[in-house]
Amino acid sequence: MRIVLLGAPGAGKGTQAAKISERYGIPHISTGDILREAVKQGTELGRSAQAYMSRGELVPDEVVIGIVAERFRRTDCAKGFLLDGFPRTVAQAKALDKALAESNCALDAVISLEVDEAEVVRRLSSRRVCGTCGAIVSSTGDAQKCASCGGELITRSDDQPEAIRRRLQVYREQTEPLVEYYSESGVLRRVSAVGTVDEVFDRISQALNH
């Protein structure tokens, strides 16, 4: 299974990615993680990425796709992989298709987690983060302290309602065109992300086995 996971902020991508990775025995590849790894290891592409990052610039698509391609050629990706956080634009999607074709493979499915804006705002604005250990708590009720370390629970600045709406606008402008792109290629699977974690995962499993 070679899968791309799409979804707006707050759609539950991280939670579902972990379950998909476990169920299908494929690595969960987060673009941010592999960028940091490449920089840390000092690979040629990692050094190139570091040069842009140190100047506060976005890493160009060709560098990112090169690092992603290096990652999915590793032996642990022999049975497939799950990409999370990449591609973000149609240009990146086309570059990914080209890189996969050069390895004589293609995507099996693109899962689009669907959730409306009001629900995203509700989820993220109620989320709390421990100021000490960084643990994320989705629903705190009256809790003011982290259950893990006792640190104070805070609301991140980018989880304020207005900031959330700005993040959603960026998502719609940059990433939603991917839904149309992958729909045209026949690999898109739309999945409602409303419900319990297990309910959403059952829908994803059905979509992948369809």
N, C-alpha and C. Protein backbone atom coordinates (compact mmCIF):
# COMPACT_ATOMS: atom_id res chain seq x y z
N MET A 1 0.83 -1.19 0.00
CA MET A 1 0.00 0.00 0.00
C MET A 1 0.87 1.26 0.00
N ARG A 2 0.72 2.07 -1.03
CA ARG A 2 1.38 3.38 -1.08
C ARG A 2 0.28 4.42 -1.00
N ILE A 3 0.26 5.13 0.13
CA ILE A 3 -0.88 5.97 0.48
C ILE A 3 -0.44 7.40 0.79
N VAL A 4 -1.25 8.36 0.36
CA VAL A 4 -1.10 9.75 0.78
C VAL A 4 -2.31 10.10 1.64
N LEU A 5 -2.06 10.78 2.77
CA LEU A 5 -3.14 11.18 3.66
C LEU A 5 -3.30 12.70 3.60
N LEU A 6 -4.50 13.14 3.20
CA LEU A 6 -4.81 14.56 3.11
C LEU A 6 -5.86 14.93 4.15
N GLY A 7 -5.89 16.20 4.54
CA GLY A 7 -6.92 16.66 5.45
C GLY A 7 -6.55 18.00 6.04
N ALA A 8 -7.55 18.80 6.36
CA ALA A 8 -7.33 20.12 6.94
C ALA A 8 -6.74 19.99 8.33
N PRO A 9 -6.16 21.07 8.88
CA PRO A 9 -5.72 21.05 10.28
C PRO A 9 -6.90 20.63 11.16
N GLY A 10 -6.65 19.73 12.10
CA GLY A 10 -7.72 19.28 12.98
C GLY A 10 -8.55 18.13 12.46
N ALA A 11 -8.22 17.63 11.26
CA ALA A 11 -8.99 16.52 10.69
C ALA A 11 -8.65 15.19 11.35
N GLY A 12 -7.55 15.14 12.09
CA GLY A 12 -7.18 13.90 12.76
C GLY A 12 -6.16 13.07 12.00
N LYS A 13 -5.37 13.72 11.15
CA LYS A 13 -4.41 12.98 10.31
C LYS A 13 -3.39 12.20 11.14
N GLY A 14 -2.83 12.85 12.18
CA GLY A 14 -1.80 12.18 12.96
C GLY A 14 -2.30 10.92 13.64
N THR A 15 -3.49 11.01 14.23
CA THR A 15 -4.08 9.86 14.91
C THR A 15 -4.35 8.72 13.93
N GLN A 16 -4.96 9.04 12.80
CA GLN A 16 -5.30 8.01 11.83
C GLN A 16 -4.06 7.46 11.13
N ALA A 17 -3.05 8.29 10.92
CA ALA A 17 -1.82 7.83 10.28
C ALA A 17 -1.18 6.72 11.10
N ALA A 18 -1.17 6.89 12.43
CA ALA A 18 -0.58 5.88 13.31
C ALA A 18 -1.33 4.56 13.19
N LYS A 19 -2.66 4.61 13.10
CA LYS A 19 -3.45 3.40 13.01
C LYS A 19 -3.29 2.72 11.65
N ILE A 20 -3.22 3.53 10.58
CA ILE A 20 -3.01 2.96 9.24
C ILE A 20 -1.65 2.27 9.17
N SER A 21 -0.63 2.94 9.69
CA SER A 21 0.72 2.39 9.67
C SER A 21 0.77 1.04 10.38
N GLU A 22 0.10 0.96 11.53
CA GLU A 22 0.10 -0.29 12.30
C GLU A 22 -0.69 -1.39 11.58
N ARG A 23 -1.87 -1.05 11.07
CA ARG A 23 -2.73 -2.05 10.43
C ARG A 23 -2.07 -2.65 9.19
N TYR A 24 -1.46 -1.81 8.37
CA TYR A 24 -0.94 -2.28 7.09
C TYR A 24 0.57 -2.54 7.09
N GLY A 25 1.21 -2.33 8.24
CA GLY A 25 2.63 -2.63 8.36
C GLY A 25 3.51 -1.81 7.44
N ILE A 26 3.17 -0.52 7.31
CA ILE A 26 3.94 0.38 6.45
C ILE A 26 4.42 1.58 7.26
N PRO A 27 5.57 2.14 6.91
CA PRO A 27 6.08 3.28 7.68
C PRO A 27 5.26 4.54 7.45
N HIS A 28 5.07 5.30 8.52
CA HIS A 28 4.41 6.60 8.46
C HIS A 28 5.48 7.64 8.20
N ILE A 29 5.46 8.24 7.03
CA ILE A 29 6.50 9.18 6.64
C ILE A 29 5.96 10.60 6.75
N SER A 30 6.48 11.33 7.73
CA SER A 30 6.12 12.73 7.92
C SER A 30 7.21 13.58 7.27
N THR A 31 6.81 14.49 6.39
CA THR A 31 7.79 15.30 5.68
C THR A 31 8.69 16.08 6.62
N GLY A 32 8.09 16.67 7.67
CA GLY A 32 8.89 17.43 8.62
C GLY A 32 9.96 16.57 9.28
N ASP A 33 9.58 15.34 9.64
CA ASP A 33 10.52 14.44 10.30
C ASP A 33 11.69 14.07 9.39
N ILE A 34 11.38 13.74 8.12
CA ILE A 34 12.47 13.29 7.25
C ILE A 34 13.35 14.46 6.80
N LEU A 35 12.78 15.66 6.74
CA LEU A 35 13.61 16.84 6.46
C LEU A 35 14.63 17.04 7.58
N ARG A 36 14.13 16.98 8.81
CA ARG A 36 15.03 17.15 9.96
C ARG A 36 16.07 16.04 10.02
N GLU A 37 15.67 14.81 9.67
CA GLU A 37 16.60 13.68 9.68
C GLU A 37 17.70 13.87 8.63
N ALA A 38 17.29 14.31 7.43
CA ALA A 38 18.26 14.52 6.36
C ALA A 38 19.26 15.60 6.73
N VAL A 39 18.77 16.66 7.37
CA VAL A 39 19.65 17.74 7.82
C VAL A 39 20.62 17.21 8.88
N LYS A 40 20.08 16.44 9.83
CA LYS A 40 20.90 15.91 10.92
C LYS A 40 21.99 14.97 10.40
N GLN A 41 21.63 14.14 9.39
CA GLN A 41 22.59 13.17 8.85
C GLN A 41 23.58 13.82 7.90
N GLY A 42 23.28 15.04 7.46
CA GLY A 42 24.21 15.76 6.59
C GLY A 42 24.28 15.21 5.19
N THR A 43 23.17 14.63 4.70
CA THR A 43 23.16 14.16 3.32
C THR A 43 23.25 15.37 2.38
N GLU A 44 23.55 15.09 1.11
CA GLU A 44 23.67 16.19 0.15
C GLU A 44 22.39 17.01 0.09
N LEU A 45 21.24 16.32 0.02
CA LEU A 45 19.96 17.03 -0.02
C LEU A 45 19.67 17.69 1.33
N GLY A 46 20.10 17.04 2.41
CA GLY A 46 19.91 17.63 3.73
C GLY A 46 20.67 18.93 3.88
N ARG A 47 21.89 18.96 3.37
CA ARG A 47 22.69 20.20 3.43
C ARG A 47 22.05 21.29 2.59
N SER A 48 21.50 20.88 1.45
CA SER A 48 20.82 21.86 0.59
C SER A 48 19.60 22.43 1.31
N ALA A 49 18.81 21.54 1.96
CA ALA A 49 17.62 22.00 2.70
C ALA A 49 18.02 22.93 3.83
N GLN A 50 19.10 22.59 4.54
CA GLN A 50 19.57 23.39 5.66
C GLN A 50 19.93 24.81 5.23
N ALA A 51 20.51 24.92 4.04
CA ALA A 51 20.91 26.24 3.54
C ALA A 51 19.70 27.15 3.39
N TYR A 52 18.60 26.60 2.89
CA TYR A 52 17.37 27.40 2.75
C TYR A 52 16.75 27.69 4.12
N MET A 53 16.70 26.66 4.97
CA MET A 53 16.06 26.82 6.28
C MET A 53 16.81 27.83 7.15
N SER A 54 18.14 27.85 7.05
CA SER A 54 18.93 28.78 7.86
C SER A 54 18.71 30.23 7.44
N ARG A 55 18.26 30.41 6.18
CA ARG A 55 17.93 31.76 5.69
C ARG A 55 16.47 32.12 5.92
N GLY A 56 15.73 31.19 6.54
CA GLY A 56 14.32 31.42 6.80
C GLY A 56 13.46 31.30 5.56
N GLU A 57 13.97 30.59 4.54
CA GLU A 57 13.25 30.42 3.29
C GLU A 57 12.61 29.03 3.22
N LEU A 58 11.57 28.91 2.41
CA LEU A 58 10.94 27.62 2.17
C LEU A 58 11.89 26.73 1.37
N VAL A 59 11.94 25.47 1.73
CA VAL A 59 12.77 24.52 0.98
C VAL A 59 12.09 24.25 -0.36
N PRO A 60 12.80 24.43 -1.49
CA PRO A 60 12.18 24.24 -2.81
C PRO A 60 11.63 22.84 -3.02
N ASP A 61 10.62 22.75 -3.87
CA ASP A 61 9.98 21.46 -4.14
C ASP A 61 10.97 20.39 -4.56
N GLU A 62 11.93 20.76 -5.42
CA GLU A 62 12.83 19.73 -5.95
C GLU A 62 13.70 19.12 -4.85
N VAL A 63 14.02 19.92 -3.82
CA VAL A 63 14.81 19.39 -2.70
C VAL A 63 13.93 18.49 -1.83
N VAL A 64 12.72 18.94 -1.54
CA VAL A 64 11.81 18.15 -0.71
C VAL A 64 11.49 16.82 -1.38
N ILE A 65 11.16 16.85 -2.67
CA ILE A 65 10.81 15.61 -3.36
C ILE A 65 12.01 14.67 -3.42
N GLY A 66 13.21 15.23 -3.54
CA GLY A 66 14.40 14.39 -3.52
C GLY A 66 14.57 13.67 -2.20
N ILE A 67 14.33 14.38 -1.10
CA ILE A 67 14.43 13.78 0.23
C ILE A 67 13.33 12.73 0.43
N VAL A 68 12.11 13.03 -0.03
CA VAL A 68 11.01 12.07 0.07
C VAL A 68 11.32 10.81 -0.75
N ALA A 69 11.83 11.02 -1.97
CA ALA A 69 12.16 9.88 -2.84
C ALA A 69 13.25 9.01 -2.21
N GLU A 70 14.25 9.63 -1.61
CA GLU A 70 15.29 8.86 -0.91
C GLU A 70 14.67 8.01 0.19
N ARG A 71 13.69 8.58 0.88
CA ARG A 71 13.07 7.87 2.01
C ARG A 71 12.27 6.66 1.53
N PHE A 72 11.48 6.81 0.46
CA PHE A 72 10.65 5.66 0.09
C PHE A 72 11.41 4.60 -0.70
N ARG A 73 12.70 4.83 -0.94
CA ARG A 73 13.52 3.78 -1.55
C ARG A 73 14.19 2.88 -0.51
N ARG A 74 14.00 3.20 0.78
CA ARG A 74 14.58 2.36 1.83
C ARG A 74 13.84 1.02 1.91
N THR A 75 14.52 0.04 2.51
CA THR A 75 13.96 -1.32 2.55
C THR A 75 12.66 -1.41 3.33
N ASP A 76 12.47 -0.54 4.35
CA ASP A 76 11.24 -0.64 5.14
C ASP A 76 10.02 -0.18 4.35
N CYS A 77 10.24 0.42 3.16
CA CYS A 77 9.12 0.84 2.32
C CYS A 77 8.80 -0.18 1.23
N ALA A 78 9.41 -1.37 1.32
CA ALA A 78 9.20 -2.39 0.29
C ALA A 78 7.72 -2.77 0.16
N LYS A 79 6.99 -2.75 1.27
CA LYS A 79 5.57 -3.10 1.25
C LYS A 79 4.68 -1.87 1.11
N GLY A 80 5.30 -0.70 1.01
CA GLY A 80 4.53 0.52 0.87
C GLY A 80 4.90 1.56 1.90
N PHE A 81 4.13 2.64 1.93
CA PHE A 81 4.39 3.75 2.86
C PHE A 81 3.16 4.61 2.96
N LEU A 82 3.12 5.43 4.00
CA LEU A 82 2.05 6.40 4.19
C LEU A 82 2.68 7.78 4.27
N LEU A 83 2.36 8.65 3.32
CA LEU A 83 2.89 10.02 3.31
C LEU A 83 1.91 10.96 4.00
N ASP A 84 2.42 11.73 4.96
CA ASP A 84 1.61 12.67 5.72
C ASP A 84 2.30 14.03 5.69
N GLY A 85 1.63 15.06 5.17
CA GLY A 85 2.23 16.38 5.07
C GLY A 85 2.88 16.65 3.74
N PHE A 86 2.77 15.71 2.84
CA PHE A 86 3.33 15.85 1.49
C PHE A 86 2.57 14.91 0.56
N PRO A 87 2.20 15.36 -0.63
CA PRO A 87 2.41 16.70 -1.19
C PRO A 87 1.41 17.72 -0.61
N ARG A 88 1.80 18.98 -0.72
CA ARG A 88 0.93 20.08 -0.27
C ARG A 88 0.36 20.87 -1.44
N THR A 89 0.94 20.72 -2.61
CA THR A 89 0.48 21.45 -3.80
C THR A 89 0.42 20.50 -4.98
N VAL A 90 -0.27 20.92 -6.03
CA VAL A 90 -0.37 20.09 -7.24
C VAL A 90 1.01 19.91 -7.87
N ALA A 91 1.84 20.95 -7.83
CA ALA A 91 3.19 20.83 -8.39
C ALA A 91 3.97 19.74 -7.67
N GLN A 92 3.85 19.68 -6.35
CA GLN A 92 4.52 18.63 -5.58
C GLN A 92 3.94 17.26 -5.91
N ALA A 93 2.62 17.20 -6.11
CA ALA A 93 1.98 15.92 -6.45
C ALA A 93 2.49 15.39 -7.78
N LYS A 94 2.64 16.27 -8.75
CA LYS A 94 3.16 15.86 -10.05
C LYS A 94 4.61 15.38 -9.95
N ALA A 95 5.39 16.08 -9.12
CA ALA A 95 6.78 15.67 -8.91
C ALA A 95 6.85 14.32 -8.21
N LEU A 96 5.93 14.08 -7.27
CA LEU A 96 5.88 12.79 -6.58
C LEU A 96 5.52 11.68 -7.55
N ASP A 97 4.53 11.91 -8.40
CA ASP A 97 4.15 10.92 -9.41
C ASP A 97 5.34 10.56 -10.29
N LYS A 98 6.11 11.57 -10.68
CA LYS A 98 7.27 11.34 -11.53
C LYS A 98 8.33 10.50 -10.81
N ALA A 99 8.58 10.85 -9.54
CA ALA A 99 9.57 10.11 -8.76
C ALA A 99 9.15 8.66 -8.55
N LEU A 100 7.87 8.44 -8.32
CA LEU A 100 7.37 7.08 -8.15
C LEU A 100 7.49 6.30 -9.46
N ALA A 101 7.15 6.95 -10.57
CA ALA A 101 7.25 6.29 -11.87
C ALA A 101 8.68 5.85 -12.17
N GLU A 102 9.64 6.66 -11.75
CA GLU A 102 11.06 6.32 -11.96
C GLU A 102 11.46 5.10 -11.14
N SER A 103 10.68 4.81 -10.09
CA SER A 103 10.91 3.62 -9.27
C SER A 103 9.95 2.49 -9.66
N ASN A 104 9.27 2.68 -10.80
CA ASN A 104 8.32 1.68 -11.33
C ASN A 104 7.19 1.36 -10.35
N CYS A 105 6.66 2.40 -9.71
CA CYS A 105 5.51 2.21 -8.83
C CYS A 105 4.62 3.44 -8.89
N ALA A 106 3.49 3.36 -8.22
CA ALA A 106 2.53 4.48 -8.22
C ALA A 106 1.74 4.45 -6.92
N LEU A 107 1.02 5.52 -6.64
CA LEU A 107 0.17 5.56 -5.45
C LEU A 107 -1.01 4.61 -5.61
N ASP A 108 -1.36 3.93 -4.52
CA ASP A 108 -2.53 3.05 -4.53
C ASP A 108 -3.79 3.81 -4.12
N ALA A 109 -3.63 4.76 -3.20
CA ALA A 109 -4.81 5.50 -2.72
C ALA A 109 -4.39 6.82 -2.08
N VAL A 110 -5.28 7.79 -2.20
CA VAL A 110 -5.13 9.07 -1.51
C VAL A 110 -6.38 9.24 -0.64
N ILE A 111 -6.19 9.22 0.67
CA ILE A 111 -7.30 9.35 1.60
C ILE A 111 -7.48 10.83 1.96
N SER A 112 -8.65 11.37 1.68
CA SER A 112 -8.97 12.75 2.04
C SER A 112 -9.93 12.74 3.21
N LEU A 113 -9.44 13.16 4.38
CA LEU A 113 -10.28 13.22 5.57
C LEU A 113 -11.13 14.48 5.51
N GLU A 114 -12.44 14.30 5.46
CA GLU A 114 -13.37 15.41 5.24
C GLU A 114 -14.02 15.85 6.56
N VAL A 115 -13.89 17.14 6.86
CA VAL A 115 -14.53 17.69 8.06
C VAL A 115 -14.82 19.15 7.79
N ASP A 116 -15.98 19.65 8.25
CA ASP A 116 -16.33 21.03 7.92
C ASP A 116 -15.60 22.02 8.83
N GLU A 117 -15.59 23.29 8.40
CA GLU A 117 -14.81 24.31 9.08
C GLU A 117 -15.24 24.51 10.52
N ALA A 118 -16.54 24.49 10.77
CA ALA A 118 -17.03 24.71 12.14
C ALA A 118 -16.50 23.64 13.09
N GLU A 119 -16.46 22.41 12.62
CA GLU A 119 -15.96 21.31 13.45
C GLU A 119 -14.46 21.45 13.70
N VAL A 120 -13.71 21.87 12.68
CA VAL A 120 -12.27 22.08 12.85
C VAL A 120 -12.01 23.16 13.90
N VAL A 121 -12.73 24.27 13.81
CA VAL A 121 -12.56 25.35 14.78
C VAL A 121 -12.89 24.86 16.18
N ARG A 122 -13.97 24.10 16.31
CA ARG A 122 -14.36 23.56 17.62
C ARG A 122 -13.26 22.67 18.19
N ARG A 123 -12.74 21.75 17.35
CA ARG A 123 -11.73 20.81 17.82
C ARG A 123 -10.45 21.53 18.26
N LEU A 124 -9.94 22.39 17.38
CA LEU A 124 -8.64 23.00 17.66
C LEU A 124 -8.71 24.05 18.77
N SER A 125 -9.81 24.80 18.85
CA SER A 125 -9.90 25.83 19.87
C SER A 125 -10.10 25.23 21.26
N SER A 126 -10.54 23.96 21.32
CA SER A 126 -10.70 23.30 22.63
C SER A 126 -9.45 22.50 22.99
N ARG A 127 -8.48 22.43 22.08
CA ARG A 127 -7.26 21.67 22.34
C ARG A 127 -6.35 22.43 23.28
N ARG A 128 -5.71 21.72 24.18
CA ARG A 128 -4.76 22.31 25.12
C ARG A 128 -3.41 21.60 24.98
N VAL A 129 -2.35 22.35 25.24
CA VAL A 129 -1.00 21.80 25.17
C VAL A 129 -0.30 22.05 26.49
N CYS A 130 0.44 21.04 26.97
CA CYS A 130 1.19 21.22 28.21
C CYS A 130 2.38 22.13 27.94
N GLY A 131 2.47 23.21 28.72
CA GLY A 131 3.57 24.16 28.54
C GLY A 131 4.91 23.61 28.97
N THR A 132 4.92 22.47 29.69
CA THR A 132 6.16 21.88 30.17
C THR A 132 6.66 20.74 29.28
N CYS A 133 5.79 19.74 29.03
CA CYS A 133 6.24 18.56 28.28
C CYS A 133 5.73 18.52 26.84
N GLY A 134 4.80 19.43 26.49
CA GLY A 134 4.32 19.50 25.11
C GLY A 134 3.20 18.54 24.77
N ALA A 135 2.73 17.76 25.75
CA ALA A 135 1.64 16.81 25.49
C ALA A 135 0.39 17.56 25.03
N ILE A 136 -0.31 16.98 24.05
CA ILE A 136 -1.54 17.59 23.52
C ILE A 136 -2.74 16.90 24.14
N VAL A 137 -3.66 17.67 24.66
CA VAL A 137 -4.88 17.14 25.26
C VAL A 137 -6.05 17.65 24.44
N SER A 138 -6.81 16.72 23.85
CA SER A 138 -7.88 17.12 22.95
C SER A 138 -9.07 17.70 23.69
N SER A 139 -9.39 17.16 24.83
CA SER A 139 -10.54 17.65 25.59
C SER A 139 -10.18 17.64 27.06
N THR A 140 -10.16 18.80 27.68
CA THR A 140 -9.66 18.89 29.04
C THR A 140 -10.73 19.05 30.11
N GLY A 141 -11.95 19.41 29.71
CA GLY A 141 -12.95 19.70 30.71
C GLY A 141 -12.49 20.85 31.59
N ASP A 142 -12.45 20.61 32.90
CA ASP A 142 -12.01 21.65 33.83
C ASP A 142 -10.53 21.52 34.18
N ALA A 143 -9.85 20.55 33.57
CA ALA A 143 -8.45 20.30 33.93
C ALA A 143 -7.58 21.50 33.57
N GLN A 144 -6.69 21.87 34.49
CA GLN A 144 -5.75 22.96 34.26
C GLN A 144 -4.30 22.48 34.24
N LYS A 145 -4.09 21.23 34.70
CA LYS A 145 -2.75 20.68 34.80
C LYS A 145 -2.62 19.43 33.92
N CYS A 146 -1.41 19.22 33.40
CA CYS A 146 -1.12 18.05 32.57
C CYS A 146 -1.14 16.79 33.42
N ALA A 147 -1.83 15.75 32.96
CA ALA A 147 -1.92 14.49 33.69
C ALA A 147 -0.57 13.77 33.72
N SER A 148 0.29 14.06 32.75
CA SER A 148 1.58 13.36 32.67
C SER A 148 2.64 13.95 33.58
N CYS A 149 2.75 15.31 33.58
CA CYS A 149 3.86 15.92 34.33
C CYS A 149 3.42 17.00 35.31
N GLY A 150 2.14 17.36 35.28
CA GLY A 150 1.66 18.39 36.19
C GLY A 150 1.84 19.80 35.69
N GLY A 151 2.37 19.96 34.45
CA GLY A 151 2.57 21.28 33.88
C GLY A 151 1.25 21.97 33.56
N GLU A 152 1.31 23.27 33.36
CA GLU A 152 0.11 24.04 33.05
C GLU A 152 -0.34 23.80 31.62
N LEU A 153 -1.65 23.61 31.42
CA LEU A 153 -2.21 23.42 30.09
C LEU A 153 -2.54 24.79 29.49
N ILE A 154 -2.08 25.02 28.27
CA ILE A 154 -2.28 26.30 27.61
C ILE A 154 -2.89 26.10 26.23
N THR A 155 -3.44 27.16 25.67
CA THR A 155 -3.94 27.15 24.29
C THR A 155 -2.89 27.78 23.40
N ARG A 156 -2.43 27.07 22.38
CA ARG A 156 -1.42 27.62 21.48
C ARG A 156 -1.99 28.79 20.70
N SER A 157 -1.12 29.74 20.34
CA SER A 157 -1.57 30.93 19.62
C SER A 157 -2.22 30.58 18.29
N ASP A 158 -1.71 29.50 17.62
CA ASP A 158 -2.29 29.14 16.33
C ASP A 158 -3.54 28.28 16.48
N ASP A 159 -3.98 28.04 17.73
CA ASP A 159 -5.25 27.35 17.97
C ASP A 159 -6.35 28.32 18.41
N GLN A 160 -6.09 29.62 18.31
CA GLN A 160 -7.14 30.61 18.54
C GLN A 160 -8.05 30.63 17.31
N PRO A 161 -9.37 30.87 17.48
CA PRO A 161 -10.32 30.77 16.36
C PRO A 161 -9.90 31.53 15.10
N GLU A 162 -9.44 32.78 15.23
CA GLU A 162 -9.07 33.55 14.04
C GLU A 162 -7.85 32.95 13.36
N ALA A 163 -6.88 32.49 14.16
CA ALA A 163 -5.69 31.86 13.58
C ALA A 163 -6.05 30.56 12.87
N ILE A 164 -7.00 29.82 13.44
CA ILE A 164 -7.45 28.56 12.83
C ILE A 164 -8.07 28.86 11.47
N ARG A 165 -8.88 29.90 11.41
CA ARG A 165 -9.54 30.23 10.13
C ARG A 165 -8.51 30.64 9.07
N ARG A 166 -7.44 31.32 9.49
CA ARG A 166 -6.38 31.67 8.54
C ARG A 166 -5.67 30.41 8.05
N ARG A 167 -5.42 29.46 8.95
CA ARG A 167 -4.78 28.20 8.56
C ARG A 167 -5.67 27.44 7.57
N LEU A 168 -6.98 27.47 7.81
CA LEU A 168 -7.90 26.79 6.90
C LEU A 168 -7.93 27.46 5.53
N GLN A 169 -7.82 28.78 5.51
CA GLN A 169 -7.79 29.49 4.24
C GLN A 169 -6.56 29.09 3.42
N VAL A 170 -5.41 29.01 4.09
CA VAL A 170 -4.18 28.57 3.41
C VAL A 170 -4.35 27.15 2.89
N TYR A 171 -4.97 26.29 3.70
CA TYR A 171 -5.20 24.91 3.28
C TYR A 171 -6.06 24.86 2.02
N ARG A 172 -7.15 25.62 2.04
CA ARG A 172 -8.06 25.61 0.89
C ARG A 172 -7.35 26.09 -0.38
N GLU A 173 -6.55 27.14 -0.24
CA GLU A 173 -5.90 27.73 -1.41
C GLU A 173 -4.80 26.83 -1.97
N GLN A 174 -4.01 26.20 -1.09
CA GLN A 174 -2.84 25.45 -1.53
C GLN A 174 -3.10 23.96 -1.71
N THR A 175 -3.86 23.37 -0.80
CA THR A 175 -3.93 21.92 -0.74
C THR A 175 -5.22 21.34 -1.31
N GLU A 176 -6.34 22.06 -1.19
CA GLU A 176 -7.58 21.50 -1.72
C GLU A 176 -7.52 21.18 -3.21
N PRO A 177 -6.78 21.94 -4.04
CA PRO A 177 -6.67 21.54 -5.45
C PRO A 177 -6.12 20.13 -5.64
N LEU A 178 -5.41 19.62 -4.63
CA LEU A 178 -4.92 18.24 -4.70
C LEU A 178 -6.07 17.24 -4.76
N VAL A 179 -7.17 17.57 -4.08
CA VAL A 179 -8.32 16.68 -4.07
C VAL A 179 -8.83 16.49 -5.50
N GLU A 180 -8.93 17.59 -6.23
CA GLU A 180 -9.38 17.51 -7.63
C GLU A 180 -8.36 16.76 -8.48
N TYR A 181 -7.07 17.04 -8.26
CA TYR A 181 -6.01 16.39 -9.03
C TYR A 181 -6.06 14.87 -8.86
N TYR A 182 -6.16 14.41 -7.62
CA TYR A 182 -6.16 12.97 -7.37
C TYR A 182 -7.49 12.33 -7.73
N SER A 183 -8.57 13.12 -7.69
CA SER A 183 -9.86 12.61 -8.12
C SER A 183 -9.82 12.27 -9.60
N GLU A 184 -9.19 13.14 -10.37
CA GLU A 184 -9.08 12.92 -11.82
C GLU A 184 -8.24 11.68 -12.14
N SER A 185 -7.27 11.37 -11.28
CA SER A 185 -6.43 10.21 -11.54
C SER A 185 -7.02 8.91 -10.99
N GLY A 186 -8.15 9.03 -10.28
CA GLY A 186 -8.88 7.83 -9.85
C GLY A 186 -8.41 7.19 -8.56
N VAL A 187 -7.51 7.84 -7.83
CA VAL A 187 -7.00 7.21 -6.59
C VAL A 187 -7.58 7.83 -5.33
N LEU A 188 -8.39 8.89 -5.48
CA LEU A 188 -8.91 9.60 -4.31
C LEU A 188 -10.01 8.80 -3.61
N ARG A 189 -9.94 8.77 -2.27
CA ARG A 189 -10.98 8.16 -1.45
C ARG A 189 -11.40 9.20 -0.41
N ARG A 190 -12.62 9.69 -0.49
CA ARG A 190 -13.13 10.67 0.47
C ARG A 190 -13.68 9.94 1.69
N VAL A 191 -13.25 10.36 2.88
CA VAL A 191 -13.67 9.70 4.11
C VAL A 191 -14.13 10.77 5.11
N SER A 192 -15.33 10.60 5.67
CA SER A 192 -15.80 11.52 6.70
C SER A 192 -14.94 11.35 7.95
N ALA A 193 -14.42 12.46 8.46
CA ALA A 193 -13.58 12.43 9.66
C ALA A 193 -14.36 12.80 10.91
N VAL A 194 -15.70 12.72 10.83
CA VAL A 194 -16.55 13.03 11.98
C VAL A 194 -16.94 11.73 12.66
N GLY A 195 -16.78 11.68 13.98
CA GLY A 195 -17.09 10.47 14.73
C GLY A 195 -15.93 10.10 15.62
N THR A 196 -16.00 8.91 16.23
CA THR A 196 -14.90 8.47 17.08
C THR A 196 -13.71 8.09 16.22
N VAL A 197 -12.55 7.96 16.87
CA VAL A 197 -11.33 7.56 16.16
C VAL A 197 -11.55 6.23 15.45
N ASP A 198 -12.16 5.28 16.15
CA ASP A 198 -12.37 3.94 15.57
C ASP A 198 -13.38 3.98 14.42
N GLU A 199 -14.41 4.81 14.54
CA GLU A 199 -15.39 4.92 13.46
C GLU A 199 -14.73 5.46 12.19
N VAL A 200 -13.90 6.49 12.35
CA VAL A 200 -13.22 7.07 11.19
C VAL A 200 -12.25 6.05 10.60
N PHE A 201 -11.54 5.32 11.45
CA PHE A 201 -10.59 4.33 10.96
C PHE A 201 -11.29 3.21 10.21
N ASP A 202 -12.46 2.80 10.68
CA ASP A 202 -13.23 1.77 9.97
C ASP A 202 -13.59 2.24 8.56
N ARG A 203 -13.94 3.52 8.43
CA ARG A 203 -14.26 4.07 7.09
C ARG A 203 -13.02 4.07 6.21
N ILE A 204 -11.87 4.43 6.80
CA ILE A 204 -10.62 4.44 6.03
C ILE A 204 -10.30 3.02 5.55
N SER A 205 -10.43 2.04 6.43
CA SER A 205 -10.15 0.64 6.07
C SER A 205 -11.06 0.18 4.94
N GLN A 206 -12.33 0.54 5.02
CA GLN A 206 -13.26 0.16 3.96
C GLN A 206 -12.87 0.81 2.64
N ALA A 207 -12.45 2.08 2.70
CA ALA A 207 -12.05 2.80 1.49
C ALA A 207 -10.79 2.16 0.88
N LEU A 208 -9.85 1.74 1.72
CA LEU A 208 -8.62 1.14 1.21
C LEU A 208 -8.84 -0.25 0.66
N ASN A 209 -9.83 -0.94 1.20
CA ASN A 209 -10.11 -2.31 0.75
C ASN A 209 -11.11 -2.35 -0.39
N HIS A 210 -11.59 -1.17 -0.79
CA HIS A 210 -12.61 -1.09 -1.84
C HIS A 210 -12.02 -1.46 -3.22
